C-alpha cells in the first residue's frame, strides 16, 4: 500500500548528473577570486548551498557575494548545459505522476536557475511546483527550501517524502518533520546517508519508484523500461 501522497526531489545528484558543470563552474569562480582550484576539493560542494560553500574560503560577506556572482554568471552561460538526467529519471517521474502523486523539487539552486535547466532537460512538465532557493540569502538552506515548499496549500494533509543524495537533503527533511529516502547513485556515500537515518536507500530509479508506490521492484523496473 502506498505510504506517500507527495514527493520532494533534490535536483543535483538526484535527478540530474550535474557534477561536470558544477565543478567546472566552481573552478572558474575560484580562479576569478585568485585561488587555485587544483588545491581545493570542489566535490565537497556538490549539494550544499552556494554561499556556505564559498564561505569556507572567504571571510567577508562581500567576498562571498562576489564569488557567487562569478559562479552564477558562468553557470548561466556554460555550466547549466553540462548536465543530463540520471538513467530512469524521466520514466520514474512519469510513473509517479500517473499514480497521482504531487511532485516538487526542493533544491538549493535558485528557482530562477533551476527552472530553465529542468525545461532544457525535458523534466519540467512532471512537477507541480519548482521549489528552490532565493537569489538572495533569505531562502538559502535545504531546510528553508523544504519549509517554503511545504507552505503550498496543495500539500495540506498529504504524506510527504523528501528524496536526495546528500546529508543536507536528509537533515533538511528531518528539520521539517519529513521522512526521507536517499539515492546511492548520486554524489553522497552510503555511510553519509545512513548516518542520517533514511527510511530507504535506493540503488536506482526503479527501486525508488517501487518503494514509493509500495510495489515490487521487479514490477516497477518493468514499467520503467
N, C-alpha and C. Protein backbone atom coordinates (compact mmCIF):
# COMPACT_ATOMS: atom_id res chain seq x y z
N UNK A 1 0.85 -1.19 0.00
CA UNK A 1 0.00 0.00 0.00
C UNK A 1 0.88 1.24 0.00
N UNK A 2 0.49 2.24 -0.79
CA UNK A 2 1.30 3.45 -0.92
C UNK A 2 1.33 4.25 0.37
N UNK A 3 2.54 4.66 0.78
CA UNK A 3 2.71 5.37 2.05
C UNK A 3 2.78 6.88 1.89
N UNK A 4 2.92 7.38 0.64
CA UNK A 4 3.13 8.81 0.43
C UNK A 4 2.19 9.34 -0.66
N UNK A 5 1.84 10.61 -0.50
CA UNK A 5 0.99 11.29 -1.48
C UNK A 5 1.77 12.33 -2.28
N UNK A 6 2.96 12.67 -1.81
CA UNK A 6 3.76 13.73 -2.44
C UNK A 6 5.24 13.44 -2.24
N UNK A 7 6.03 13.83 -3.22
CA UNK A 7 7.48 13.63 -3.13
C UNK A 7 8.19 14.92 -3.51
N UNK A 8 9.14 15.32 -2.68
CA UNK A 8 10.02 16.46 -2.96
C UNK A 8 11.37 15.90 -3.36
N UNK A 9 11.88 16.36 -4.51
CA UNK A 9 13.15 15.85 -5.02
C UNK A 9 14.24 16.92 -4.98
N UNK A 10 15.39 16.54 -4.44
CA UNK A 10 16.60 17.29 -4.71
C UNK A 10 16.87 17.18 -6.21
N UNK A 11 17.68 18.08 -6.76
CA UNK A 11 17.95 18.06 -8.20
C UNK A 11 19.35 17.55 -8.50
N UNK A 12 20.38 18.27 -8.07
CA UNK A 12 21.76 17.87 -8.38
C UNK A 12 22.12 16.58 -7.65
N UNK A 13 22.47 15.54 -8.40
CA UNK A 13 22.84 14.27 -7.80
C UNK A 13 21.68 13.35 -7.53
N UNK A 14 20.46 13.84 -7.74
CA UNK A 14 19.26 13.02 -7.53
C UNK A 14 18.48 12.86 -8.81
N UNK A 15 18.22 13.97 -9.48
CA UNK A 15 17.56 13.94 -10.79
C UNK A 15 18.56 14.12 -11.92
N UNK A 16 19.52 15.02 -11.71
CA UNK A 16 20.46 15.38 -12.78
C UNK A 16 21.90 15.05 -12.40
N UNK A 17 22.61 14.47 -13.35
CA UNK A 17 24.07 14.31 -13.22
C UNK A 17 24.68 15.64 -13.65
N UNK A 18 24.81 16.53 -12.70
CA UNK A 18 25.26 17.90 -12.96
C UNK A 18 26.67 18.15 -12.48
N UNK A 19 27.34 17.11 -12.05
CA UNK A 19 28.70 17.24 -11.49
C UNK A 19 29.66 17.99 -12.42
N UNK A 20 29.74 17.65 -13.73
CA UNK A 20 30.71 18.35 -14.58
C UNK A 20 30.52 19.86 -14.60
N UNK A 21 29.28 20.31 -14.80
CA UNK A 21 29.03 21.74 -14.87
C UNK A 21 29.29 22.46 -13.56
N UNK A 22 28.94 21.82 -12.46
CA UNK A 22 29.15 22.43 -11.15
C UNK A 22 30.64 22.56 -10.84
N UNK A 23 31.38 21.47 -11.03
CA UNK A 23 32.81 21.51 -10.71
C UNK A 23 33.57 22.47 -11.62
N UNK A 24 33.23 22.47 -12.90
CA UNK A 24 33.88 23.41 -13.82
C UNK A 24 33.59 24.86 -13.44
N UNK A 25 32.37 25.11 -12.98
CA UNK A 25 32.00 26.48 -12.62
C UNK A 25 32.65 26.90 -11.31
N UNK A 26 32.72 26.01 -10.35
CA UNK A 26 33.45 26.32 -9.12
C UNK A 26 34.91 26.65 -9.44
N UNK A 27 35.52 25.85 -10.31
CA UNK A 27 36.93 26.10 -10.67
C UNK A 27 37.08 27.48 -11.29
N UNK A 28 36.16 27.86 -12.16
CA UNK A 28 36.20 29.18 -12.78
C UNK A 28 36.08 30.27 -11.71
N UNK A 29 35.10 30.13 -10.82
CA UNK A 29 34.87 31.17 -9.80
C UNK A 29 36.08 31.31 -8.88
N UNK A 30 36.65 30.19 -8.46
CA UNK A 30 37.83 30.27 -7.59
C UNK A 30 39.01 30.94 -8.30
N UNK A 31 39.19 30.63 -9.58
CA UNK A 31 40.27 31.29 -10.32
C UNK A 31 40.04 32.79 -10.40
N UNK A 32 38.79 33.19 -10.64
CA UNK A 32 38.47 34.62 -10.69
C UNK A 32 38.73 35.31 -9.36
N UNK A 33 38.60 34.54 -8.29
CA UNK A 33 38.82 35.09 -6.95
C UNK A 33 40.27 34.95 -6.50
N UNK A 34 41.14 34.47 -7.38
CA UNK A 34 42.56 34.40 -7.07
C UNK A 34 43.02 33.15 -6.37
N UNK A 35 42.17 32.11 -6.34
CA UNK A 35 42.57 30.85 -5.72
C UNK A 35 42.80 29.80 -6.79
N UNK A 36 43.66 28.84 -6.48
CA UNK A 36 43.96 27.75 -7.39
C UNK A 36 42.99 26.61 -7.13
N UNK A 37 42.04 26.33 -8.05
CA UNK A 37 41.05 25.27 -7.80
C UNK A 37 41.68 23.89 -7.68
N UNK A 38 42.89 23.71 -8.19
CA UNK A 38 43.57 22.41 -8.07
C UNK A 38 43.90 22.09 -6.61
N UNK A 39 43.93 23.11 -5.77
CA UNK A 39 44.22 22.93 -4.36
C UNK A 39 42.95 22.83 -3.50
N UNK A 40 41.79 22.81 -4.15
CA UNK A 40 40.51 22.80 -3.45
C UNK A 40 39.72 21.56 -3.84
N UNK A 41 39.17 20.87 -2.87
CA UNK A 41 38.31 19.72 -3.15
C UNK A 41 36.89 20.22 -3.42
N UNK A 42 36.62 20.56 -4.66
CA UNK A 42 35.32 21.12 -5.02
C UNK A 42 34.19 20.10 -4.93
N UNK A 43 34.52 18.82 -4.86
CA UNK A 43 33.46 17.82 -4.73
C UNK A 43 32.71 17.97 -3.41
N UNK A 44 33.33 18.63 -2.44
CA UNK A 44 32.64 18.91 -1.17
C UNK A 44 31.39 19.75 -1.39
N UNK A 45 31.35 20.49 -2.49
CA UNK A 45 30.30 21.47 -2.70
C UNK A 45 29.24 21.00 -3.69
N UNK A 46 29.19 19.70 -3.92
CA UNK A 46 28.11 19.11 -4.73
C UNK A 46 26.92 18.87 -3.82
N UNK A 47 26.08 19.88 -3.69
CA UNK A 47 24.90 19.74 -2.84
C UNK A 47 24.68 20.88 -1.87
N UNK A 48 25.68 21.27 -1.06
CA UNK A 48 25.46 22.34 -0.09
C UNK A 48 25.14 23.69 -0.74
N UNK A 49 24.56 24.61 0.02
CA UNK A 49 24.25 25.94 -0.52
C UNK A 49 25.51 26.65 -1.03
N UNK A 50 25.34 27.45 -2.06
CA UNK A 50 26.46 28.11 -2.72
C UNK A 50 27.20 29.06 -1.78
N UNK A 51 26.45 29.86 -1.04
CA UNK A 51 27.11 30.83 -0.15
C UNK A 51 27.89 30.11 0.95
N UNK A 52 27.34 29.04 1.48
CA UNK A 52 28.06 28.27 2.50
C UNK A 52 29.37 27.75 1.92
N UNK A 53 29.31 27.25 0.69
CA UNK A 53 30.50 26.68 0.05
C UNK A 53 31.61 27.72 -0.07
N UNK A 54 31.27 28.90 -0.57
CA UNK A 54 32.30 29.93 -0.73
C UNK A 54 32.75 30.50 0.60
N UNK A 55 31.88 30.44 1.61
CA UNK A 55 32.26 30.95 2.93
C UNK A 55 33.33 30.10 3.59
N UNK A 56 33.55 28.88 3.07
CA UNK A 56 34.65 28.06 3.59
C UNK A 56 36.01 28.61 3.16
N UNK A 57 36.02 29.55 2.20
CA UNK A 57 37.28 30.07 1.66
C UNK A 57 37.42 31.58 1.78
N UNK A 58 36.31 32.29 1.97
CA UNK A 58 36.37 33.76 2.02
C UNK A 58 35.72 34.24 3.31
N UNK A 59 36.35 35.20 3.94
CA UNK A 59 35.95 35.58 5.30
C UNK A 59 34.94 36.71 5.36
N UNK A 60 34.75 37.44 4.27
CA UNK A 60 33.81 38.56 4.33
C UNK A 60 32.60 38.29 3.44
N UNK A 61 31.49 38.89 3.81
CA UNK A 61 30.27 38.73 3.03
C UNK A 61 30.45 39.26 1.62
N UNK A 62 31.19 40.35 1.47
CA UNK A 62 31.41 40.94 0.15
C UNK A 62 32.16 39.97 -0.76
N UNK A 63 33.18 39.29 -0.20
CA UNK A 63 33.93 38.32 -1.00
C UNK A 63 33.05 37.15 -1.41
N UNK A 64 32.25 36.66 -0.47
CA UNK A 64 31.35 35.55 -0.77
C UNK A 64 30.39 35.93 -1.88
N UNK A 65 29.80 37.11 -1.79
CA UNK A 65 28.84 37.55 -2.81
C UNK A 65 29.52 37.73 -4.16
N UNK A 66 30.75 38.20 -4.16
CA UNK A 66 31.49 38.36 -5.42
C UNK A 66 31.73 36.98 -6.05
N UNK A 67 32.12 36.01 -5.23
CA UNK A 67 32.33 34.66 -5.75
C UNK A 67 31.03 34.06 -6.27
N UNK A 68 29.94 34.30 -5.56
CA UNK A 68 28.62 33.83 -6.01
C UNK A 68 28.27 34.43 -7.37
N UNK A 69 28.55 35.71 -7.54
CA UNK A 69 28.26 36.37 -8.82
C UNK A 69 29.08 35.76 -9.95
N UNK A 70 30.36 35.52 -9.70
CA UNK A 70 31.20 34.87 -10.72
C UNK A 70 30.62 33.50 -11.09
N UNK A 71 30.25 32.75 -10.06
CA UNK A 71 29.72 31.41 -10.28
C UNK A 71 28.43 31.47 -11.11
N UNK A 72 27.50 32.30 -10.68
CA UNK A 72 26.19 32.31 -11.34
C UNK A 72 26.27 32.80 -12.78
N UNK A 73 27.11 33.78 -13.02
CA UNK A 73 27.26 34.28 -14.40
C UNK A 73 27.80 33.19 -15.31
N UNK A 74 28.84 32.50 -14.85
CA UNK A 74 29.44 31.43 -15.66
C UNK A 74 28.49 30.24 -15.79
N UNK A 75 27.78 29.92 -14.71
CA UNK A 75 26.89 28.77 -14.74
C UNK A 75 25.75 29.00 -15.74
N UNK A 76 25.24 30.22 -15.78
CA UNK A 76 24.16 30.54 -16.71
C UNK A 76 24.63 30.45 -18.16
N UNK A 77 25.90 30.77 -18.40
CA UNK A 77 26.43 30.75 -19.76
C UNK A 77 26.83 29.35 -20.21
N UNK A 78 27.44 28.58 -19.31
CA UNK A 78 28.04 27.30 -19.71
C UNK A 78 27.58 26.14 -18.82
N UNK A 79 27.75 26.29 -17.52
CA UNK A 79 27.59 25.16 -16.60
C UNK A 79 26.23 24.50 -16.61
N UNK A 80 25.18 25.28 -16.77
CA UNK A 80 23.83 24.70 -16.72
C UNK A 80 23.56 23.73 -17.86
N UNK A 81 24.34 23.85 -18.92
CA UNK A 81 24.15 22.96 -20.07
C UNK A 81 24.98 21.68 -19.97
N UNK A 82 25.85 21.61 -18.95
CA UNK A 82 26.73 20.45 -18.79
C UNK A 82 26.12 19.45 -17.80
N UNK A 83 24.92 18.99 -18.10
CA UNK A 83 24.25 18.04 -17.22
C UNK A 83 23.30 17.18 -18.04
N UNK A 84 22.82 16.11 -17.42
CA UNK A 84 21.85 15.22 -18.07
C UNK A 84 21.12 14.44 -16.98
N UNK A 85 19.90 14.00 -17.23
CA UNK A 85 19.19 13.20 -16.23
C UNK A 85 19.88 11.86 -15.98
N UNK A 86 19.84 11.41 -14.75
CA UNK A 86 20.32 10.07 -14.46
C UNK A 86 19.43 9.04 -15.15
N UNK A 87 19.94 7.85 -15.45
CA UNK A 87 19.13 6.82 -16.09
C UNK A 87 17.86 6.52 -15.31
N UNK A 88 16.74 6.53 -16.01
CA UNK A 88 15.47 6.18 -15.39
C UNK A 88 14.72 7.31 -14.73
N UNK A 89 15.28 8.52 -14.70
CA UNK A 89 14.63 9.62 -14.00
C UNK A 89 13.30 10.00 -14.65
N UNK A 90 13.30 10.22 -15.96
CA UNK A 90 12.05 10.64 -16.62
C UNK A 90 10.97 9.57 -16.49
N UNK A 91 11.25 8.29 -16.74
CA UNK A 91 10.21 7.28 -16.54
C UNK A 91 9.73 7.20 -15.09
N UNK A 92 10.64 7.39 -14.12
CA UNK A 92 10.24 7.40 -12.72
C UNK A 92 9.25 8.52 -12.43
N UNK A 93 9.58 9.72 -12.88
CA UNK A 93 8.68 10.85 -12.64
C UNK A 93 7.34 10.63 -13.32
N UNK A 94 7.38 10.07 -14.53
CA UNK A 94 6.13 9.80 -15.25
C UNK A 94 5.27 8.79 -14.49
N UNK A 95 5.90 7.75 -13.93
CA UNK A 95 5.16 6.74 -13.19
C UNK A 95 4.54 7.32 -11.92
N UNK A 96 5.29 8.17 -11.23
CA UNK A 96 4.77 8.78 -10.01
C UNK A 96 3.62 9.74 -10.32
N UNK A 97 3.76 10.49 -11.39
CA UNK A 97 2.67 11.38 -11.80
C UNK A 97 1.42 10.58 -12.17
N UNK A 98 1.63 9.51 -12.91
CA UNK A 98 0.50 8.68 -13.33
C UNK A 98 -0.22 8.08 -12.13
N UNK A 99 0.53 7.82 -11.07
CA UNK A 99 -0.06 7.28 -9.85
C UNK A 99 -0.76 8.35 -9.02
N UNK A 100 -0.69 9.59 -9.45
CA UNK A 100 -1.41 10.67 -8.78
C UNK A 100 -0.66 11.39 -7.70
N UNK A 101 0.66 11.20 -7.61
CA UNK A 101 1.43 11.89 -6.59
C UNK A 101 1.72 13.33 -6.99
N UNK A 102 1.75 14.19 -6.00
CA UNK A 102 2.22 15.57 -6.15
C UNK A 102 3.74 15.52 -6.18
N UNK A 103 4.35 16.20 -7.15
CA UNK A 103 5.80 16.21 -7.27
C UNK A 103 6.32 17.64 -7.25
N UNK A 104 7.39 17.85 -6.50
CA UNK A 104 8.03 19.17 -6.46
C UNK A 104 9.54 18.97 -6.33
N UNK A 105 10.29 19.98 -6.72
CA UNK A 105 11.71 19.98 -6.43
C UNK A 105 11.94 20.72 -5.12
N UNK A 106 13.04 20.40 -4.46
CA UNK A 106 13.49 21.12 -3.27
C UNK A 106 15.00 21.18 -3.38
N UNK A 107 15.49 22.20 -4.07
CA UNK A 107 16.90 22.32 -4.39
C UNK A 107 17.48 23.63 -3.88
N UNK A 108 18.77 23.61 -3.58
CA UNK A 108 19.43 24.85 -3.17
C UNK A 108 19.82 25.72 -4.36
N UNK A 109 19.55 25.26 -5.58
CA UNK A 109 19.65 26.16 -6.72
C UNK A 109 18.47 27.14 -6.65
N UNK A 110 18.67 28.41 -6.99
CA UNK A 110 17.54 29.34 -7.04
C UNK A 110 16.51 28.88 -8.07
N UNK A 111 15.26 29.19 -7.79
CA UNK A 111 14.17 28.81 -8.70
C UNK A 111 14.44 29.33 -10.11
N UNK A 112 14.95 30.57 -10.19
CA UNK A 112 15.21 31.18 -11.50
C UNK A 112 16.30 30.44 -12.27
N UNK A 113 17.17 29.74 -11.56
CA UNK A 113 18.26 29.00 -12.19
C UNK A 113 17.81 27.59 -12.58
N UNK A 114 17.12 26.91 -11.67
CA UNK A 114 16.79 25.51 -11.92
C UNK A 114 15.65 25.33 -12.91
N UNK A 115 14.74 26.29 -12.99
CA UNK A 115 13.59 26.13 -13.88
C UNK A 115 14.00 25.94 -15.34
N UNK A 116 14.86 26.81 -15.91
CA UNK A 116 15.26 26.58 -17.31
C UNK A 116 16.08 25.31 -17.50
N UNK A 117 16.79 24.87 -16.47
CA UNK A 117 17.54 23.61 -16.59
C UNK A 117 16.57 22.44 -16.71
N UNK A 118 15.56 22.41 -15.84
CA UNK A 118 14.57 21.34 -15.92
C UNK A 118 13.84 21.36 -17.25
N UNK A 119 13.58 22.57 -17.75
CA UNK A 119 12.90 22.69 -19.04
C UNK A 119 13.80 22.15 -20.16
N UNK A 120 15.07 22.52 -20.14
CA UNK A 120 16.00 22.07 -21.17
C UNK A 120 16.16 20.56 -21.17
N UNK A 121 16.09 19.96 -19.99
CA UNK A 121 16.26 18.51 -19.88
C UNK A 121 14.95 17.74 -20.02
N UNK A 122 13.86 18.44 -20.27
CA UNK A 122 12.58 17.79 -20.50
C UNK A 122 11.87 17.30 -19.26
N UNK A 123 12.26 17.78 -18.09
CA UNK A 123 11.68 17.30 -16.83
C UNK A 123 10.65 18.25 -16.23
N UNK A 124 10.61 19.49 -16.68
CA UNK A 124 9.73 20.48 -16.05
C UNK A 124 8.26 20.07 -16.03
N UNK A 125 7.72 19.48 -17.08
CA UNK A 125 6.28 19.16 -17.07
C UNK A 125 5.85 18.17 -15.99
N UNK A 126 6.79 17.44 -15.41
CA UNK A 126 6.41 16.46 -14.40
C UNK A 126 6.10 17.07 -13.04
N UNK A 127 6.47 18.33 -12.84
CA UNK A 127 6.41 18.90 -11.50
C UNK A 127 5.22 19.83 -11.30
N UNK A 128 4.60 19.67 -10.13
CA UNK A 128 3.53 20.59 -9.72
C UNK A 128 4.11 21.91 -9.24
N UNK A 129 5.32 21.85 -8.72
CA UNK A 129 5.97 23.07 -8.23
C UNK A 129 7.48 22.92 -8.34
N UNK A 130 8.13 23.99 -8.75
CA UNK A 130 9.59 24.05 -8.71
C UNK A 130 9.97 24.81 -7.44
N UNK A 131 10.47 24.07 -6.47
CA UNK A 131 10.89 24.67 -5.21
C UNK A 131 12.40 24.81 -5.19
N UNK A 132 12.88 25.97 -4.79
CA UNK A 132 14.31 26.20 -4.75
C UNK A 132 14.66 27.38 -3.88
N UNK A 133 15.93 27.71 -3.85
CA UNK A 133 16.41 28.83 -3.05
C UNK A 133 16.03 30.15 -3.70
N UNK A 134 16.24 31.22 -2.95
CA UNK A 134 16.08 32.57 -3.48
C UNK A 134 17.43 33.04 -4.01
N UNK A 135 17.39 34.08 -4.83
CA UNK A 135 18.65 34.62 -5.35
C UNK A 135 19.45 35.31 -4.25
N UNK A 136 18.76 35.86 -3.25
CA UNK A 136 19.46 36.44 -2.11
C UNK A 136 19.62 35.38 -1.03
N UNK A 137 19.98 35.78 0.16
CA UNK A 137 20.25 34.81 1.22
C UNK A 137 19.03 34.49 2.08
N UNK A 138 17.85 34.96 1.69
CA UNK A 138 16.69 34.79 2.55
C UNK A 138 16.21 33.33 2.61
N UNK A 139 16.30 32.61 1.50
CA UNK A 139 15.98 31.17 1.47
C UNK A 139 17.19 30.50 0.86
N UNK A 140 18.11 30.02 1.71
CA UNK A 140 19.43 29.64 1.21
C UNK A 140 19.89 28.26 1.68
N UNK A 141 19.13 27.61 2.55
CA UNK A 141 19.50 26.29 3.05
C UNK A 141 18.45 25.28 2.62
N UNK A 142 18.81 24.00 2.69
CA UNK A 142 17.84 22.96 2.31
C UNK A 142 16.64 22.97 3.26
N UNK A 143 16.87 23.22 4.53
CA UNK A 143 15.76 23.30 5.48
C UNK A 143 14.80 24.41 5.08
N UNK A 144 15.34 25.58 4.74
CA UNK A 144 14.49 26.72 4.37
C UNK A 144 13.73 26.45 3.08
N UNK A 145 14.40 25.78 2.12
CA UNK A 145 13.74 25.47 0.85
C UNK A 145 12.58 24.51 1.08
N UNK A 146 12.82 23.43 1.84
CA UNK A 146 11.76 22.46 2.10
C UNK A 146 10.60 23.11 2.84
N UNK A 147 10.93 23.93 3.84
CA UNK A 147 9.87 24.61 4.60
C UNK A 147 9.02 25.49 3.70
N UNK A 148 9.65 26.16 2.75
CA UNK A 148 8.90 27.01 1.83
C UNK A 148 7.99 26.18 0.93
N UNK A 149 8.50 25.07 0.41
CA UNK A 149 7.67 24.21 -0.45
C UNK A 149 6.46 23.70 0.33
N UNK A 150 6.65 23.39 1.60
CA UNK A 150 5.57 22.84 2.41
C UNK A 150 4.45 23.83 2.68
N UNK A 151 4.67 25.12 2.37
CA UNK A 151 3.59 26.10 2.53
C UNK A 151 2.56 26.00 1.41
N UNK A 152 2.84 25.23 0.37
CA UNK A 152 1.89 25.06 -0.73
C UNK A 152 0.61 24.44 -0.18
N UNK A 153 -0.53 25.11 -0.31
CA UNK A 153 -1.78 24.57 0.24
C UNK A 153 -2.17 23.21 -0.33
N UNK A 154 -1.65 22.88 -1.50
CA UNK A 154 -1.94 21.57 -2.09
C UNK A 154 -1.31 20.42 -1.31
N UNK A 155 -0.39 20.74 -0.40
CA UNK A 155 0.25 19.72 0.41
C UNK A 155 -0.42 19.54 1.77
N UNK A 156 -1.43 20.33 2.05
CA UNK A 156 -2.12 20.23 3.34
C UNK A 156 -2.70 18.82 3.52
N UNK A 157 -2.32 18.19 4.61
CA UNK A 157 -2.84 16.88 4.93
C UNK A 157 -2.23 15.74 4.15
N UNK A 158 -1.25 16.03 3.30
CA UNK A 158 -0.64 14.98 2.49
C UNK A 158 0.58 14.38 3.19
N UNK A 159 0.85 13.14 2.87
CA UNK A 159 2.02 12.44 3.40
C UNK A 159 3.18 12.71 2.44
N UNK A 160 4.18 13.45 2.92
CA UNK A 160 5.24 13.98 2.04
C UNK A 160 6.56 13.28 2.33
N UNK A 161 7.26 12.93 1.26
CA UNK A 161 8.58 12.32 1.33
C UNK A 161 9.61 13.23 0.67
N UNK A 162 10.80 13.33 1.26
CA UNK A 162 11.92 14.03 0.65
C UNK A 162 12.90 13.01 0.11
N UNK A 163 13.41 13.23 -1.10
CA UNK A 163 14.39 12.33 -1.72
C UNK A 163 15.63 13.13 -2.09
N UNK A 164 16.80 12.63 -1.71
CA UNK A 164 18.04 13.32 -2.04
C UNK A 164 19.24 12.40 -1.99
N UNK A 165 20.40 12.96 -2.30
CA UNK A 165 21.62 12.16 -2.36
C UNK A 165 22.69 12.59 -1.36
N UNK A 166 22.44 13.66 -0.60
CA UNK A 166 23.44 14.16 0.35
C UNK A 166 22.81 14.34 1.72
N UNK A 167 23.66 14.49 2.73
CA UNK A 167 23.16 14.64 4.09
C UNK A 167 22.31 15.90 4.25
N UNK A 168 22.63 16.95 3.51
CA UNK A 168 21.82 18.17 3.61
C UNK A 168 20.36 17.89 3.29
N UNK A 169 20.11 17.01 2.32
CA UNK A 169 18.75 16.68 1.94
C UNK A 169 18.02 15.96 3.07
N UNK A 170 18.68 14.98 3.65
CA UNK A 170 18.03 14.19 4.69
C UNK A 170 17.90 14.95 6.00
N UNK A 171 18.92 15.74 6.33
CA UNK A 171 18.84 16.53 7.56
C UNK A 171 17.82 17.66 7.41
N UNK A 172 17.73 18.25 6.22
CA UNK A 172 16.71 19.27 5.97
C UNK A 172 15.32 18.70 6.12
N UNK A 173 15.13 17.48 5.62
CA UNK A 173 13.83 16.82 5.77
C UNK A 173 13.50 16.62 7.25
N UNK A 174 14.48 16.13 8.01
CA UNK A 174 14.26 15.90 9.44
C UNK A 174 13.92 17.20 10.16
N UNK A 175 14.60 18.29 9.79
CA UNK A 175 14.31 19.59 10.40
C UNK A 175 12.85 20.00 10.19
N UNK A 176 12.30 19.55 9.05
CA UNK A 176 10.92 19.93 8.70
C UNK A 176 9.91 18.84 9.05
N UNK A 177 10.37 17.81 9.76
CA UNK A 177 9.47 16.76 10.20
C UNK A 177 9.06 15.78 9.12
N UNK A 178 9.89 15.65 8.07
CA UNK A 178 9.56 14.75 6.97
C UNK A 178 10.44 13.51 6.97
N UNK A 179 9.91 12.37 6.56
CA UNK A 179 10.75 11.21 6.28
C UNK A 179 11.53 11.44 5.00
N UNK A 180 12.64 10.73 4.85
CA UNK A 180 13.48 10.93 3.67
C UNK A 180 13.99 9.60 3.15
N UNK A 181 14.21 9.58 1.84
CA UNK A 181 14.87 8.45 1.18
C UNK A 181 16.12 8.97 0.51
N UNK A 182 17.15 8.14 0.47
CA UNK A 182 18.40 8.52 -0.18
C UNK A 182 18.63 7.71 -1.43
N UNK A 183 19.33 8.31 -2.40
CA UNK A 183 19.70 7.59 -3.62
C UNK A 183 21.21 7.36 -3.62
N UNK A 184 21.59 6.13 -3.94
CA UNK A 184 23.00 5.75 -3.87
C UNK A 184 23.75 5.99 -5.16
N UNK A 185 23.03 6.40 -6.22
CA UNK A 185 23.69 6.67 -7.49
C UNK A 185 24.17 8.11 -7.60
N UNK A 186 23.91 8.92 -6.59
CA UNK A 186 24.26 10.33 -6.63
C UNK A 186 25.66 10.61 -6.10
N UNK A 187 25.81 11.74 -5.39
CA UNK A 187 27.13 12.22 -5.01
C UNK A 187 27.48 11.98 -3.55
N UNK A 188 26.56 11.45 -2.78
CA UNK A 188 26.85 11.13 -1.39
C UNK A 188 27.15 9.65 -1.23
N UNK A 189 27.90 9.30 -0.20
CA UNK A 189 28.24 7.90 0.06
C UNK A 189 27.14 7.23 0.87
N UNK A 190 27.17 5.90 0.88
CA UNK A 190 26.22 5.15 1.70
C UNK A 190 26.40 5.54 3.18
N UNK A 191 27.65 5.65 3.62
CA UNK A 191 27.90 5.98 5.02
C UNK A 191 27.32 7.35 5.37
N UNK A 192 27.49 8.33 4.48
CA UNK A 192 26.95 9.66 4.73
C UNK A 192 25.44 9.62 4.87
N UNK A 193 24.77 8.87 4.00
CA UNK A 193 23.31 8.82 4.02
C UNK A 193 22.80 7.99 5.20
N UNK A 194 23.44 6.85 5.46
CA UNK A 194 22.97 6.00 6.56
C UNK A 194 23.06 6.72 7.90
N UNK A 195 24.04 7.60 8.05
CA UNK A 195 24.19 8.34 9.32
C UNK A 195 23.01 9.26 9.59
N UNK A 196 22.23 9.56 8.55
CA UNK A 196 21.09 10.49 8.69
C UNK A 196 19.76 9.76 8.88
N UNK A 197 19.78 8.44 8.97
CA UNK A 197 18.57 7.70 9.26
C UNK A 197 17.50 7.72 8.18
N UNK A 198 17.85 7.43 6.93
CA UNK A 198 16.83 7.43 5.88
C UNK A 198 15.84 6.28 6.05
N UNK A 199 14.62 6.47 5.55
CA UNK A 199 13.66 5.38 5.53
C UNK A 199 14.06 4.30 4.52
N UNK A 200 14.75 4.71 3.46
CA UNK A 200 15.09 3.78 2.38
C UNK A 200 16.29 4.33 1.63
N UNK A 201 17.13 3.42 1.13
CA UNK A 201 18.23 3.79 0.24
C UNK A 201 18.03 3.05 -1.07
N UNK A 202 17.95 3.80 -2.16
CA UNK A 202 17.66 3.22 -3.47
C UNK A 202 18.91 3.18 -4.33
N UNK A 203 19.14 2.03 -4.96
CA UNK A 203 20.28 1.90 -5.85
C UNK A 203 20.04 2.50 -7.22
N UNK A 204 18.78 2.59 -7.61
CA UNK A 204 18.44 3.17 -8.91
C UNK A 204 17.00 3.67 -8.87
N UNK A 205 16.57 4.24 -9.98
CA UNK A 205 15.23 4.84 -10.02
C UNK A 205 14.12 3.81 -9.94
N UNK A 206 14.36 2.61 -10.45
CA UNK A 206 13.34 1.56 -10.38
C UNK A 206 13.09 1.16 -8.93
N UNK A 207 14.15 1.01 -8.15
CA UNK A 207 13.98 0.67 -6.73
C UNK A 207 13.26 1.77 -5.97
N UNK A 208 13.62 3.01 -6.28
CA UNK A 208 12.98 4.13 -5.61
C UNK A 208 11.49 4.20 -5.95
N UNK A 209 11.17 4.04 -7.22
CA UNK A 209 9.77 4.08 -7.65
C UNK A 209 8.97 2.97 -6.97
N UNK A 210 9.52 1.77 -6.96
CA UNK A 210 8.83 0.63 -6.34
C UNK A 210 8.54 0.89 -4.88
N UNK A 211 9.54 1.42 -4.17
CA UNK A 211 9.36 1.65 -2.75
C UNK A 211 8.32 2.75 -2.49
N UNK A 212 8.39 3.84 -3.25
CA UNK A 212 7.43 4.93 -3.06
C UNK A 212 6.01 4.46 -3.32
N UNK A 213 5.84 3.64 -4.35
CA UNK A 213 4.50 3.20 -4.73
C UNK A 213 4.06 1.94 -3.97
N UNK A 214 4.96 1.39 -3.13
CA UNK A 214 4.60 0.22 -2.37
C UNK A 214 4.45 -1.02 -3.21
N UNK A 215 5.27 -1.14 -4.25
CA UNK A 215 5.19 -2.26 -5.18
C UNK A 215 6.51 -3.01 -5.21
N UNK A 216 6.51 -4.14 -5.89
CA UNK A 216 7.73 -4.92 -6.04
C UNK A 216 8.69 -4.24 -6.99
N UNK A 217 9.98 -4.34 -6.72
CA UNK A 217 10.97 -3.68 -7.56
C UNK A 217 10.95 -4.21 -8.99
N UNK A 218 10.70 -5.52 -9.15
CA UNK A 218 10.70 -6.10 -10.49
C UNK A 218 9.57 -5.52 -11.34
N UNK A 219 8.40 -5.33 -10.72
CA UNK A 219 7.26 -4.77 -11.44
C UNK A 219 7.54 -3.33 -11.83
N UNK A 220 8.11 -2.55 -10.91
CA UNK A 220 8.42 -1.16 -11.21
C UNK A 220 9.47 -1.06 -12.29
N UNK A 221 10.46 -1.95 -12.23
CA UNK A 221 11.53 -1.91 -13.22
C UNK A 221 10.97 -2.21 -14.62
N UNK A 222 10.03 -3.14 -14.71
CA UNK A 222 9.42 -3.46 -15.98
C UNK A 222 8.65 -2.27 -16.54
N UNK A 223 7.97 -1.54 -15.66
CA UNK A 223 7.21 -0.36 -16.09
C UNK A 223 8.12 0.73 -16.62
N UNK A 224 9.34 0.83 -16.09
CA UNK A 224 10.23 1.91 -16.46
C UNK A 224 11.02 1.61 -17.73
N UNK A 225 11.01 0.37 -18.18
CA UNK A 225 11.75 0.01 -19.39
C UNK A 225 11.00 0.43 -20.64
